[in-house]
Amino acid sequence: MTHVVTISATFGAGGSVVGPSLAERLGVPFVDRAIPTAVAREIGCSLQEVLEHDDRAPTGFQRLLASAARLPAITPGSVDMTYIPAADGEGRLLFDHEFVDRTEQVIRKVAESGGVILGRAGAAVLADTPRAVHVRLDGPPERRLRQATVLRESTGREPAHGQGGDGDDREAGHAQLWSPPTMRDLRDNDRARAAYVRRFYQRDPASAALYHLVLDSTVIDLATCADIIERVVRERAAQE
């Protein structure tokens, strides 16, 4: 049986550490950066343009933050007309909902063969997938900020200053430019990611109703979090 897990993780909650570890334990792919690449290929636009509509990349972070400021004026099902910079290979303008629709298609395709999916409202997208296990990693802001700093220094996996994703800017040779995240970074990041879920799915990403499991990963060791999630996933699979 294939295993499908979605992980929603706030800034500093360790999603980029727990996700890959869990995927390895379950023998399925960890899906994060592969999503925007697949979307770009299917739409026929550049990866950079997809990242401008993604919830886990630096460019997407800034864009989502701007969107968050306008949330009260956005109604369910509406399309944000403020940003229309992207176009497909034929020059046709692309809108936000097209990127989101394609992202959903990629997530659903991953679910067919199994995977651990980080972010992108996975719990909402796969809410109708019975075998999917939905997990939320969170914790008090102060503890998440401390953990983000420690993880960034030791593994390079948590978001750096101004980043909205879990990418490692050391890989790009920018280790010397990194500075410790601030509480403002944390709050802006949380608000931007929450805006993605609220805007396109009209759901509160912090609501426990979306998940099978909610863990405070600032007091539970990240390896233990992976242990707990793995056990839940395997127990649910055995019941089917």
Protein backbone atom coordinates (compact mmCIF):
# COMPACT_ATOMS: atom_id res chain seq x y z
CA MET A 1 0.00 0.00 0.00
CA THR A 2 1.22 3.50 -0.83
CA HIS A 3 1.42 6.08 1.93
CA VAL A 4 0.29 9.68 1.53
CA VAL A 5 1.06 12.33 4.15
CA THR A 6 0.55 16.08 4.01
CA ILE A 7 2.48 18.28 6.41
CA SER A 8 1.52 21.83 7.27
CA ALA A 9 4.34 23.47 9.18
CA THR A 10 4.65 26.98 10.51
CA PHE A 11 7.94 28.88 10.46
CA GLY A 12 10.50 27.11 12.65
CA ALA A 13 8.32 24.06 13.24
CA GLY A 14 10.77 21.80 11.42
CA GLY A 15 8.68 20.67 8.47
CA SER A 16 11.72 20.56 6.21
CA VAL A 17 13.41 18.20 8.65
CA VAL A 18 10.49 15.97 9.63
CA GLY A 19 9.21 15.66 6.05
CA PRO A 20 12.30 14.07 4.45
CA SER A 21 12.88 11.85 7.48
CA LEU A 22 9.32 10.57 7.39
CA ALA A 23 9.43 9.98 3.64
CA GLU A 24 12.58 7.89 4.01
CA ARG A 25 10.98 5.79 6.75
CA LEU A 26 7.87 5.19 4.66
CA GLY A 27 9.76 4.55 1.45
CA VAL A 28 8.02 7.31 -0.51
CA PRO A 29 9.23 10.55 -2.12
CA PHE A 30 9.45 13.79 -0.19
CA VAL A 31 7.70 16.35 -2.37
CA ASP A 32 8.47 20.02 -1.97
CA ARG A 33 10.63 21.68 -4.62
CA ALA A 34 9.45 19.20 -7.26
CA ILE A 35 5.96 20.74 -7.23
CA PRO A 36 6.77 24.15 -8.78
CA THR A 37 9.05 22.46 -11.32
CA ALA A 38 6.23 20.16 -12.43
CA VAL A 39 3.76 23.06 -12.57
CA ALA A 40 6.12 25.08 -14.77
CA ARG A 41 6.51 22.15 -17.13
CA GLU A 42 2.75 21.54 -17.40
CA ILE A 43 1.76 25.18 -17.82
CA GLY A 44 4.61 25.99 -20.16
CA CYS A 45 6.06 28.94 -18.28
CA SER A 46 9.30 29.55 -16.40
CA LEU A 47 10.06 28.13 -12.97
CA GLN A 48 10.56 31.67 -11.68
CA GLU A 49 7.02 32.59 -12.69
CA VAL A 50 5.63 29.59 -10.84
CA LEU A 51 7.63 30.47 -7.74
CA GLU A 52 5.98 33.88 -7.76
CA HIS A 53 2.70 32.05 -7.11
CA ASP A 54 4.08 29.41 -4.74
CA ASP A 55 3.74 29.41 -0.96
CA ARG A 56 7.18 28.01 -0.14
CA ALA A 57 9.68 30.07 -2.13
CA PRO A 58 11.26 33.49 -1.42
CA THR A 59 9.51 35.22 -4.33
CA GLY A 60 6.23 33.58 -3.49
CA PHE A 61 6.63 34.63 0.13
CA GLN A 62 6.82 38.31 -0.78
CA ARG A 63 3.89 37.99 -3.13
CA LEU A 64 1.72 36.13 -0.65
CA LEU A 65 2.54 38.69 2.01
CA ALA A 66 1.24 41.41 -0.27
CA SER A 67 -1.87 39.34 -0.90
CA ALA A 68 -2.39 38.84 2.82
CA ALA A 69 -2.69 42.59 3.30
CA ARG A 70 -5.59 42.61 0.86
CA LEU A 71 -7.42 39.52 2.17
CA PRO A 72 -10.49 41.38 3.53
CA ALA A 73 -11.28 42.56 0.01
CA ILE A 74 -11.04 39.11 -1.53
CA THR A 75 -14.13 36.96 -1.81
CA PRO A 76 -14.21 33.15 -2.25
CA GLY A 77 -13.60 32.17 -5.83
CA SER A 78 -12.30 35.58 -6.88
CA VAL A 79 -9.15 36.09 -8.92
CA ASP A 80 -6.52 38.61 -7.86
CA MET A 81 -6.12 40.94 -10.82
CA THR A 82 -3.33 42.99 -9.26
CA TYR A 83 -0.63 40.53 -10.32
CA ILE A 84 -0.69 39.22 -13.88
CA PRO A 85 3.00 39.07 -14.86
CA ALA A 86 3.21 35.47 -16.01
CA ALA A 87 2.47 34.08 -19.44
CA ASP A 88 2.65 30.66 -21.03
CA GLY A 89 4.76 29.70 -24.02
CA GLU A 90 2.23 31.26 -26.39
CA GLY A 91 2.12 34.57 -24.57
CA ARG A 92 -1.26 33.94 -22.91
CA LEU A 93 -1.53 35.69 -19.54
CA LEU A 94 -1.82 33.33 -16.59
CA PHE A 95 -3.82 34.04 -13.44
CA ASP A 96 -3.41 32.91 -9.86
CA HIS A 97 -6.14 30.28 -9.98
CA GLU A 98 -4.42 28.57 -12.92
CA PHE A 99 -1.24 28.08 -10.92
CA VAL A 100 -3.23 26.82 -7.95
CA ASP A 101 -5.26 24.45 -10.15
CA ARG A 102 -2.08 23.00 -11.64
CA THR A 103 -0.51 22.69 -8.21
CA GLU A 104 -3.55 20.72 -7.08
CA GLN A 105 -3.22 18.44 -10.09
CA VAL A 106 0.42 17.74 -9.24
CA ILE A 107 -0.44 17.03 -5.60
CA ARG A 108 -3.23 14.64 -6.57
CA LYS A 109 -0.91 12.86 -8.99
CA VAL A 110 1.67 12.43 -6.22
CA ALA A 111 -1.05 11.02 -3.97
CA GLU A 112 -1.76 8.27 -6.50
CA SER A 113 1.68 6.76 -6.04
CA GLY A 114 2.44 7.97 -2.51
CA GLY A 115 4.54 10.72 -0.99
CA VAL A 116 5.08 13.16 1.85
CA ILE A 117 3.90 16.57 0.69
CA LEU A 118 5.04 19.71 2.48
CA GLY A 119 2.83 22.81 2.42
CA ARG A 120 0.65 24.11 -0.42
CA ALA A 121 -2.59 23.45 1.47
CA GLY A 122 -2.12 19.70 0.99
CA ALA A 123 -4.64 18.87 3.72
CA ALA A 124 -7.33 20.88 1.93
CA VAL A 125 -6.45 19.57 -1.52
CA LEU A 126 -6.48 15.92 -0.40
CA ALA A 127 -9.29 16.23 2.14
CA ASP A 128 -11.30 13.74 0.08
CA THR A 129 -8.48 11.18 -0.09
CA PRO A 130 -9.33 8.56 2.57
CA ARG A 131 -5.84 7.08 2.88
CA ALA A 132 -4.08 10.44 3.26
CA VAL A 133 -2.85 11.40 6.72
CA HIS A 134 -2.79 15.14 7.44
CA VAL A 135 -0.34 16.55 9.98
CA ARG A 136 0.22 20.00 11.47
CA LEU A 137 3.53 21.00 13.06
CA ASP A 138 3.37 24.12 15.19
CA GLY A 139 4.36 25.65 18.52
CA PRO A 140 4.58 28.94 20.41
CA PRO A 141 6.25 31.68 18.33
CA GLU A 142 9.13 32.22 20.72
CA ARG A 143 10.10 28.56 20.73
CA ARG A 144 9.68 28.26 16.96
CA LEU A 145 11.97 31.24 16.44
CA ARG A 146 14.66 29.67 18.60
CA GLN A 147 14.29 26.35 16.81
CA ALA A 148 14.42 28.01 13.39
CA THR A 149 17.73 29.63 14.32
CA VAL A 150 19.22 26.41 15.66
CA LEU A 151 18.08 24.35 12.68
CA ARG A 152 19.28 26.92 10.18
CA GLU A 153 22.70 27.01 11.77
CA SER A 154 23.05 23.25 12.10
CA THR A 155 21.33 21.88 9.00
CA GLY A 156 20.48 24.81 6.76
CA ARG A 157 16.95 23.45 6.33
CA GLU A 158 14.78 26.05 7.99
CA PRO A 159 13.95 29.39 6.32
CA ALA A 160 16.54 32.12 6.47
CA HIS A 161 15.83 35.81 6.89
CA GLY A 162 13.25 36.94 4.38
CA GLN A 163 12.63 33.47 2.96
CA GLY A 164 9.20 31.93 2.65
CA GLY A 165 10.39 28.44 1.82
CA ASP A 166 12.53 25.78 3.39
CA GLY A 167 15.32 26.16 0.86
CA ASP A 168 18.95 26.31 1.88
CA ASP A 169 20.68 29.41 0.59
CA ARG A 170 24.01 27.87 1.54
CA GLU A 171 23.58 25.62 -1.47
CA ALA A 172 23.73 28.73 -3.61
CA GLY A 173 26.91 29.90 -1.90
CA HIS A 174 25.26 32.55 0.27
CA ALA A 175 26.10 31.16 3.70
CA GLN A 176 27.93 34.34 4.67
CA LEU A 177 24.85 36.44 3.91
CA TRP A 178 22.60 34.60 6.30
CA SER A 179 21.39 36.36 9.42
CA PRO A 180 19.26 34.97 12.27
CA PRO A 181 15.50 35.22 11.67
CA THR A 182 13.54 37.72 13.70
CA MET A 183 10.09 37.60 15.23
CA ARG A 184 8.91 39.84 12.41
CA ASP A 185 10.18 37.29 9.88
CA LEU A 186 8.27 34.57 11.70
CA ARG A 187 5.01 36.51 11.86
CA ASP A 188 5.21 37.68 8.25
CA ASN A 189 6.02 34.17 7.08
CA ASP A 190 3.16 32.61 9.05
CA ARG A 191 0.75 35.24 7.78
CA ALA A 192 1.79 34.78 4.16
CA ARG A 193 1.44 31.00 4.21
CA ALA A 194 -1.90 31.23 6.00
CA ALA A 195 -3.05 33.70 3.34
CA TYR A 196 -2.55 31.06 0.64
CA VAL A 197 -4.90 28.60 2.40
CA ARG A 198 -7.49 31.21 3.34
CA ARG A 199 -7.54 32.85 -0.02
CA PHE A 200 -7.82 29.79 -2.23
CA TYR A 201 -9.58 27.33 0.11
CA GLN A 202 -11.42 29.54 2.60
CA ARG A 203 -9.99 27.50 5.45
CA ASP A 204 -7.93 28.39 8.51
CA PRO A 205 -4.66 26.42 8.28
CA ALA A 206 -4.39 26.48 12.09
CA SER A 207 -7.71 24.67 12.53
CA ALA A 208 -7.24 21.23 14.07
CA ALA A 209 -10.26 20.06 12.07
CA LEU A 210 -8.04 19.87 8.97
CA TYR A 211 -5.64 17.35 10.47
CA HIS A 212 -5.44 13.88 11.93
CA LEU A 213 -2.48 14.87 14.05
CA VAL A 214 -1.27 18.18 15.50
CA LEU A 215 2.15 18.21 17.16
CA ASP A 216 4.06 20.87 19.06
CA SER A 217 7.39 20.21 17.40
CA THR A 218 9.15 22.74 19.60
CA VAL A 219 8.84 20.48 22.67
CA ILE A 220 8.73 17.10 20.94
CA ASP A 221 12.03 16.15 19.32
CA LEU A 222 11.80 16.26 15.53
CA ALA A 223 12.90 12.64 15.21
CA THR A 224 10.19 11.69 17.70
CA CYS A 225 7.66 13.65 15.64
CA ALA A 226 8.63 11.55 12.64
CA ASP A 227 8.28 8.41 14.78
CA ILE A 228 4.78 9.40 15.90
CA ILE A 229 3.60 10.29 12.42
CA GLU A 230 5.03 7.07 10.97
CA ARG A 231 3.18 5.01 13.58
CA VAL A 232 -0.11 6.77 12.86
CA VAL A 233 0.34 6.32 9.11
CA ARG A 234 1.12 2.61 9.40
CA GLU A 235 -1.73 1.98 11.85
CA ARG A 236 -4.22 3.69 9.54
CA ALA A 237 -2.91 1.69 6.59
CA ALA A 238 -3.33 -1.56 8.53
CA GLN A 239 -6.97 -0.70 9.22
CA GLU A 240 -7.82 -0.43 5.53
